N, C-alpha and C. Protein backbone atom coordinates (compact mmCIF):
# COMPACT_ATOMS: atom_id res chain seq x y z
N UNK A 1 4.94 28.64 13.14
CA UNK A 1 4.41 27.78 14.02
C UNK A 1 5.48 26.88 14.62
N UNK A 2 5.57 26.53 15.77
CA UNK A 2 6.48 25.83 16.44
C UNK A 2 5.92 24.32 16.69
N UNK A 3 6.85 23.27 16.66
CA UNK A 3 6.43 21.93 16.91
C UNK A 3 6.89 21.55 18.42
N UNK A 4 6.71 20.38 18.75
CA UNK A 4 6.84 19.95 19.90
C UNK A 4 8.28 20.25 20.51
N UNK A 5 9.09 20.06 19.49
CA UNK A 5 10.68 20.12 19.84
C UNK A 5 11.12 21.61 19.93
N UNK A 6 10.21 22.60 19.50
CA UNK A 6 10.59 23.97 19.64
C UNK A 6 11.23 24.41 18.23
N UNK A 7 11.07 23.56 17.22
CA UNK A 7 11.68 23.82 15.97
C UNK A 7 10.52 24.53 15.11
N UNK A 8 11.00 25.27 14.13
CA UNK A 8 9.99 26.00 13.34
C UNK A 8 9.51 25.01 12.26
N UNK A 9 8.04 24.79 12.19
CA UNK A 9 7.45 23.93 11.00
C UNK A 9 7.49 24.75 9.75
N UNK A 10 8.03 24.07 8.54
CA UNK A 10 8.03 24.74 7.45
C UNK A 10 7.27 23.80 6.39
N UNK A 11 6.86 24.29 5.16
CA UNK A 11 6.09 23.54 4.22
C UNK A 11 7.15 22.70 3.68
N UNK A 12 8.44 22.98 3.56
CA UNK A 12 9.56 21.99 3.03
C UNK A 12 9.61 20.88 3.94
N UNK A 13 9.63 20.95 5.18
CA UNK A 13 9.65 19.95 6.07
C UNK A 13 8.40 18.99 5.88
N UNK A 14 7.23 19.40 5.76
CA UNK A 14 6.13 18.69 5.66
C UNK A 14 6.16 17.91 4.21
N UNK A 15 6.69 18.61 3.22
CA UNK A 15 6.67 18.16 1.87
C UNK A 15 7.59 17.02 2.02
N UNK A 16 8.86 16.98 2.51
CA UNK A 16 9.90 16.04 2.50
C UNK A 16 9.35 14.78 3.33
N UNK A 17 8.64 15.02 4.48
CA UNK A 17 8.28 13.75 5.13
C UNK A 17 7.02 13.11 4.66
N UNK A 18 6.24 13.90 3.68
CA UNK A 18 5.25 13.38 2.96
C UNK A 18 5.62 12.43 1.84
N UNK A 19 6.76 12.98 1.14
CA UNK A 19 7.45 12.23 0.15
C UNK A 19 8.00 10.90 0.83
N UNK A 20 8.45 10.96 1.87
CA UNK A 20 9.08 9.62 2.47
C UNK A 20 7.91 8.69 2.87
N UNK A 21 6.86 9.03 3.39
CA UNK A 21 5.67 8.30 3.64
C UNK A 21 5.06 7.86 2.38
N UNK A 22 4.79 8.56 1.47
CA UNK A 22 4.32 8.14 0.06
C UNK A 22 5.14 7.09 -0.60
N UNK A 23 6.55 7.38 -0.47
CA UNK A 23 7.48 6.43 -1.09
C UNK A 23 7.36 4.97 -0.32
N UNK A 24 7.06 4.92 0.97
CA UNK A 24 6.90 3.79 1.69
C UNK A 24 5.64 3.04 1.32
N UNK A 25 4.58 4.08 0.87
CA UNK A 25 3.38 3.41 0.34
C UNK A 25 3.64 2.75 -0.87
N UNK A 26 4.41 3.22 -1.75
CA UNK A 26 4.82 2.61 -3.13
C UNK A 26 5.51 1.52 -2.84
N UNK A 27 6.50 1.49 -1.84
CA UNK A 27 7.13 0.06 -1.66
C UNK A 27 6.18 -1.07 -1.13
N UNK A 28 5.15 -0.81 -0.23
CA UNK A 28 4.11 -1.76 0.15
C UNK A 28 3.36 -2.18 -0.95
N UNK A 29 2.92 -1.27 -1.88
CA UNK A 29 2.21 -1.56 -3.05
C UNK A 29 3.05 -2.59 -3.94
N UNK A 30 4.40 -2.29 -4.08
CA UNK A 30 5.23 -3.15 -4.97
C UNK A 30 5.39 -4.48 -4.16
N UNK A 31 5.47 -4.57 -2.94
CA UNK A 31 5.52 -5.92 -2.22
C UNK A 31 4.19 -6.67 -2.49
N UNK A 32 3.19 -5.98 -2.54
CA UNK A 32 1.79 -6.54 -2.63
C UNK A 32 1.71 -7.19 -4.02
N UNK A 33 2.21 -6.56 -5.12
CA UNK A 33 2.11 -6.91 -6.45
C UNK A 33 3.17 -8.17 -6.54
N UNK A 34 4.25 -7.97 -5.86
CA UNK A 34 5.43 -8.87 -6.01
C UNK A 34 5.11 -10.37 -5.44
N UNK A 35 4.32 -10.40 -4.58
CA UNK A 35 4.02 -11.69 -3.73
C UNK A 35 3.43 -12.73 -4.79
N UNK A 36 2.22 -12.31 -5.35
CA UNK A 36 1.83 -13.46 -6.26
C UNK A 36 2.67 -13.72 -7.54
N UNK A 37 3.24 -12.70 -8.06
CA UNK A 37 4.30 -12.83 -9.20
C UNK A 37 5.35 -13.77 -8.79
N UNK A 38 5.89 -13.55 -7.53
CA UNK A 38 6.96 -14.53 -7.11
C UNK A 38 6.44 -15.79 -6.84
N UNK A 39 5.33 -15.96 -6.48
CA UNK A 39 4.68 -17.34 -6.23
C UNK A 39 4.44 -18.06 -7.54
N UNK A 40 4.22 -17.26 -8.72
CA UNK A 40 3.98 -18.00 -9.83
C UNK A 40 5.20 -18.33 -10.56
N UNK A 41 6.37 -17.40 -10.57
CA UNK A 41 7.49 -17.43 -11.46
C UNK A 41 8.64 -17.90 -10.43
N UNK A 42 8.65 -17.72 -9.21
CA UNK A 42 9.73 -17.93 -8.30
C UNK A 42 10.04 -19.53 -8.11
N UNK A 43 11.23 -19.88 -7.71
CA UNK A 43 11.59 -21.22 -7.68
C UNK A 43 11.62 -21.69 -6.18
N UNK A 44 11.52 -20.83 -5.13
CA UNK A 44 11.44 -21.11 -3.76
C UNK A 44 9.95 -21.54 -3.41
N UNK A 45 9.93 -22.85 -2.96
CA UNK A 45 8.87 -23.45 -2.49
C UNK A 45 9.10 -24.66 -1.58
N UNK A 46 8.19 -24.78 -0.53
CA UNK A 46 8.44 -25.88 0.36
C UNK A 46 8.21 -27.30 -0.48
N UNK A 47 9.12 -28.23 0.12
CA UNK A 47 8.87 -29.57 -0.55
C UNK A 47 7.55 -30.18 -0.33
N UNK A 48 7.00 -30.70 -1.37
CA UNK A 48 5.70 -31.34 -1.17
C UNK A 48 4.45 -30.37 -1.38
N UNK A 49 4.72 -29.17 -1.65
CA UNK A 49 3.58 -28.16 -1.86
C UNK A 49 3.40 -27.88 -3.38
N UNK A 50 2.26 -27.74 -3.75
CA UNK A 50 2.11 -27.41 -5.15
C UNK A 50 2.08 -25.93 -5.42
N UNK A 51 2.40 -25.53 -6.50
CA UNK A 51 2.44 -24.05 -7.05
C UNK A 51 1.06 -23.38 -6.72
N UNK A 52 -0.09 -24.04 -6.87
CA UNK A 52 -1.36 -23.49 -6.73
C UNK A 52 -1.65 -23.10 -5.25
N UNK A 53 -1.19 -23.87 -4.39
CA UNK A 53 -1.30 -23.53 -2.94
C UNK A 53 -0.39 -22.24 -2.64
N UNK A 54 0.76 -22.28 -3.17
CA UNK A 54 1.61 -21.09 -3.11
C UNK A 54 1.03 -19.68 -3.50
N UNK A 55 0.32 -19.94 -4.61
CA UNK A 55 -0.34 -18.73 -5.25
C UNK A 55 -1.47 -18.42 -4.26
N UNK A 56 -2.24 -19.29 -3.68
CA UNK A 56 -3.31 -19.03 -2.79
C UNK A 56 -2.73 -18.33 -1.71
N UNK A 57 -1.58 -18.80 -1.06
CA UNK A 57 -1.24 -18.22 0.07
C UNK A 57 -0.51 -16.79 -0.06
N UNK A 58 -0.12 -16.55 -1.33
CA UNK A 58 0.39 -15.21 -1.78
C UNK A 58 -0.72 -14.23 -1.64
N UNK A 59 -1.99 -14.60 -1.92
CA UNK A 59 -3.13 -13.68 -1.69
C UNK A 59 -3.16 -13.05 -0.28
N UNK A 60 -2.76 -13.94 0.78
CA UNK A 60 -2.97 -13.16 2.03
C UNK A 60 -1.80 -12.27 2.28
N UNK A 61 -0.70 -12.45 1.51
CA UNK A 61 0.46 -11.48 1.64
C UNK A 61 0.05 -10.15 0.78
N UNK A 62 -0.56 -10.33 -0.22
CA UNK A 62 -1.08 -9.27 -1.17
C UNK A 62 -2.13 -8.44 -0.26
N UNK A 63 -3.10 -9.12 0.41
CA UNK A 63 -4.00 -8.51 1.10
C UNK A 63 -3.38 -7.62 2.40
N UNK A 64 -2.42 -8.27 3.08
CA UNK A 64 -1.92 -7.77 4.20
C UNK A 64 -1.11 -6.38 3.81
N UNK A 65 -0.24 -6.59 2.80
CA UNK A 65 0.45 -5.28 2.34
C UNK A 65 -0.42 -4.29 1.82
N UNK A 66 -1.50 -4.50 1.19
CA UNK A 66 -2.49 -3.62 0.67
C UNK A 66 -3.05 -2.74 1.89
N UNK A 67 -3.43 -3.50 2.89
CA UNK A 67 -4.07 -2.82 4.20
C UNK A 67 -3.03 -2.10 4.86
N UNK A 68 -1.78 -2.48 4.82
CA UNK A 68 -0.77 -1.57 5.63
C UNK A 68 -0.54 -0.39 4.92
N UNK A 69 -0.43 -0.50 3.51
CA UNK A 69 -0.33 0.71 2.57
C UNK A 69 -1.54 1.58 2.61
N UNK A 70 -2.73 1.04 2.96
CA UNK A 70 -3.86 1.87 3.16
C UNK A 70 -3.85 2.65 4.44
N UNK A 71 -3.40 2.00 5.45
CA UNK A 71 -3.20 2.69 6.72
C UNK A 71 -2.22 3.70 6.66
N UNK A 72 -1.09 3.52 5.83
CA UNK A 72 -0.10 4.52 5.82
C UNK A 72 -0.59 5.78 5.01
N UNK A 73 -1.45 5.56 4.07
CA UNK A 73 -2.05 6.69 3.46
C UNK A 73 -3.00 7.57 4.47
N UNK A 74 -3.73 6.80 5.13
CA UNK A 74 -4.64 7.51 6.17
C UNK A 74 -3.72 8.20 7.25
N UNK A 75 -2.64 7.50 7.58
CA UNK A 75 -1.70 8.34 8.63
C UNK A 75 -1.22 9.48 8.06
N UNK A 76 -0.61 9.32 6.91
CA UNK A 76 -0.05 10.51 6.10
C UNK A 76 -0.83 11.69 5.92
N UNK A 77 -2.01 11.34 5.19
CA UNK A 77 -2.91 12.52 5.01
C UNK A 77 -3.57 13.00 6.37
N UNK A 78 -3.91 12.32 7.28
CA UNK A 78 -4.32 12.69 8.68
C UNK A 78 -3.16 13.61 9.44
N UNK A 79 -2.02 13.44 9.10
CA UNK A 79 -0.97 14.20 9.62
C UNK A 79 -0.85 15.61 9.09
N UNK A 80 -1.50 15.67 7.84
CA UNK A 80 -1.37 16.92 7.19
C UNK A 80 -2.78 17.67 7.52
N UNK A 81 -3.87 16.96 7.59
CA UNK A 81 -5.18 17.66 7.88
C UNK A 81 -6.10 16.64 8.41
N UNK A 82 -6.72 17.10 9.67
CA UNK A 82 -7.80 16.12 10.10
C UNK A 82 -9.05 16.83 9.87
N UNK A 83 -10.01 16.05 9.28
CA UNK A 83 -11.41 16.75 8.90
C UNK A 83 -11.98 17.14 10.22
N UNK A 84 -12.71 18.28 10.18
CA UNK A 84 -13.33 18.77 11.31
C UNK A 84 -12.63 19.77 12.19
N UNK A 85 -11.36 19.91 11.83
CA UNK A 85 -10.52 20.91 12.58
C UNK A 85 -9.95 21.90 11.76
N UNK A 86 -9.58 23.06 12.04
CA UNK A 86 -8.87 24.04 11.27
C UNK A 86 -7.51 23.52 10.60
N UNK A 87 -7.40 23.79 9.38
CA UNK A 87 -6.18 23.44 8.79
C UNK A 87 -4.98 24.36 8.95
N UNK A 88 -3.82 23.74 9.06
CA UNK A 88 -2.50 24.67 9.09
C UNK A 88 -2.14 25.29 7.79
N UNK A 89 -1.71 26.41 7.75
CA UNK A 89 -1.34 27.14 6.46
C UNK A 89 -0.01 26.32 5.81
N UNK A 90 0.62 25.66 6.56
CA UNK A 90 1.95 24.94 6.15
C UNK A 90 1.51 23.52 5.63
N UNK A 91 0.34 22.99 6.25
CA UNK A 91 0.16 21.62 6.00
C UNK A 91 -0.85 21.46 4.84
N UNK A 92 -1.88 22.23 4.74
CA UNK A 92 -2.85 22.02 3.81
C UNK A 92 -2.52 22.11 2.41
N UNK A 93 -1.66 23.12 2.02
CA UNK A 93 -1.17 23.07 0.64
C UNK A 93 -0.39 21.82 0.27
N UNK A 94 0.30 21.13 1.22
CA UNK A 94 1.11 20.06 0.96
C UNK A 94 0.16 18.99 0.52
N UNK A 95 -1.04 18.86 1.46
CA UNK A 95 -2.03 17.85 1.10
C UNK A 95 -2.63 17.98 -0.19
N UNK A 96 -2.97 19.16 -0.63
CA UNK A 96 -3.36 19.54 -2.05
C UNK A 96 -2.47 19.06 -3.05
N UNK A 97 -1.15 19.18 -2.80
CA UNK A 97 -0.18 18.72 -3.88
C UNK A 97 -0.13 17.21 -4.08
N UNK A 98 -0.29 16.44 -2.89
CA UNK A 98 -0.34 15.05 -2.91
C UNK A 98 -1.61 14.48 -3.15
N UNK A 99 -2.75 15.29 -3.30
CA UNK A 99 -4.03 14.66 -3.23
C UNK A 99 -4.24 13.78 -4.45
N UNK A 100 -3.85 14.04 -5.68
CA UNK A 100 -4.03 13.11 -6.76
C UNK A 100 -3.07 11.83 -6.52
N UNK A 101 -1.88 11.89 -5.95
CA UNK A 101 -1.09 10.69 -5.78
C UNK A 101 -1.81 9.83 -4.80
N UNK A 102 -2.29 10.52 -3.65
CA UNK A 102 -2.98 9.57 -2.66
C UNK A 102 -4.23 9.01 -3.35
N UNK A 103 -4.98 9.69 -4.10
CA UNK A 103 -6.05 9.08 -4.86
C UNK A 103 -5.84 7.81 -5.62
N UNK A 104 -4.70 8.05 -6.37
CA UNK A 104 -4.21 7.05 -7.37
C UNK A 104 -3.75 5.82 -6.57
N UNK A 105 -3.04 6.05 -5.47
CA UNK A 105 -2.42 5.11 -4.66
C UNK A 105 -3.73 4.36 -3.98
N UNK A 106 -4.68 5.15 -3.42
CA UNK A 106 -5.75 4.46 -2.84
C UNK A 106 -6.69 3.50 -3.73
N UNK A 107 -6.76 4.01 -5.08
CA UNK A 107 -7.32 3.12 -6.12
C UNK A 107 -6.62 1.94 -6.36
N UNK A 108 -5.25 1.82 -6.27
CA UNK A 108 -4.40 0.76 -6.70
C UNK A 108 -4.50 -0.17 -5.29
N UNK A 109 -4.50 0.41 -4.20
CA UNK A 109 -4.84 -0.44 -2.94
C UNK A 109 -6.03 -1.16 -2.91
N UNK A 110 -7.11 -0.51 -3.30
CA UNK A 110 -8.46 -1.10 -3.38
C UNK A 110 -8.44 -2.28 -4.30
N UNK A 111 -8.02 -2.06 -5.39
CA UNK A 111 -7.86 -3.11 -6.40
C UNK A 111 -7.00 -4.30 -5.97
N UNK A 112 -5.93 -3.98 -5.32
CA UNK A 112 -4.94 -5.07 -4.95
C UNK A 112 -5.67 -5.71 -3.63
N UNK A 113 -6.32 -5.07 -2.87
CA UNK A 113 -7.04 -5.75 -1.71
C UNK A 113 -8.13 -6.79 -2.25
N UNK A 114 -8.87 -6.35 -3.23
CA UNK A 114 -9.88 -7.13 -3.86
C UNK A 114 -9.07 -8.52 -4.47
N UNK A 115 -8.08 -8.16 -5.39
CA UNK A 115 -7.37 -9.17 -6.00
C UNK A 115 -6.69 -10.17 -5.05
N UNK A 116 -6.12 -9.63 -3.87
CA UNK A 116 -5.49 -10.54 -2.90
C UNK A 116 -6.51 -11.33 -2.35
N UNK A 117 -7.62 -10.87 -2.00
CA UNK A 117 -8.51 -11.49 -1.23
C UNK A 117 -9.16 -12.68 -2.23
N UNK A 118 -9.39 -12.41 -3.31
CA UNK A 118 -9.78 -13.41 -4.37
C UNK A 118 -8.86 -14.54 -4.48
N UNK A 119 -7.61 -14.08 -4.56
CA UNK A 119 -6.27 -15.05 -4.84
C UNK A 119 -6.29 -15.93 -3.49
N UNK A 120 -6.42 -15.27 -2.19
CA UNK A 120 -6.45 -15.98 -1.17
C UNK A 120 -7.39 -17.10 -0.98
N UNK A 121 -8.56 -16.68 -1.46
CA UNK A 121 -9.70 -17.79 -1.35
C UNK A 121 -9.60 -18.91 -2.43
N UNK A 122 -9.27 -18.50 -3.57
CA UNK A 122 -9.37 -19.26 -4.81
C UNK A 122 -8.07 -19.50 -5.63
N UNK A 123 -6.96 -19.00 -5.20
CA UNK A 123 -5.85 -18.96 -5.87
C UNK A 123 -5.47 -20.34 -6.59
N UNK A 124 -5.60 -21.52 -5.80
CA UNK A 124 -5.33 -22.61 -6.29
C UNK A 124 -6.29 -23.08 -7.46
N UNK A 125 -7.52 -22.76 -7.43
CA UNK A 125 -8.41 -22.95 -8.52
C UNK A 125 -8.10 -22.18 -9.69
N UNK A 126 -7.82 -20.87 -9.46
CA UNK A 126 -7.35 -19.86 -10.63
C UNK A 126 -6.29 -20.48 -11.21
N UNK A 127 -5.36 -20.89 -10.45
CA UNK A 127 -3.94 -21.56 -11.19
C UNK A 127 -4.41 -22.78 -12.03
N UNK A 128 -5.09 -23.54 -11.53
CA UNK A 128 -5.57 -24.71 -12.25
C UNK A 128 -6.32 -24.35 -13.37
N UNK A 129 -7.32 -23.46 -13.33
CA UNK A 129 -8.14 -23.17 -14.59
C UNK A 129 -7.43 -22.21 -15.48
N UNK A 130 -6.64 -21.40 -15.17
CA UNK A 130 -5.94 -20.48 -16.07
C UNK A 130 -4.60 -20.78 -16.52
N UNK A 131 -3.66 -21.01 -15.44
CA UNK A 131 -2.32 -21.14 -15.81
C UNK A 131 -2.04 -22.66 -16.32
N UNK A 132 -2.69 -23.47 -15.85
CA UNK A 132 -2.40 -24.88 -16.37
C UNK A 132 -3.05 -25.23 -17.63
N UNK A 133 -4.00 -24.94 -17.89
CA UNK A 133 -4.89 -25.13 -19.06
C UNK A 133 -4.27 -24.57 -20.15
């Protein structure tokens, strides 16, 4: 099968681009996890702001990176196969190889989006109740 550029599509090409996209998802998940950790343990803070407020703000960053990572998963899996259409013999096996990785990443993204939203709304209170006491 030929692509738009007239090049031959191969499973190796789909596998390598899927790995790149999956690595980007992992980086986004790492950034989503790092935001609240840095707000708790990091030294960079605006003058006059409390640590609880920074933890609360980090929830927005966690939620944002989680949703971007989720969008990247949808983009990557949709690139390999769109439900309702016939699958390509080069793409569907790659999707099957990455299925458990996508599922694990989607579970982590779902949990991070919940954690980020709760932190975004109540981060200052959680800091006061858990970390200060």
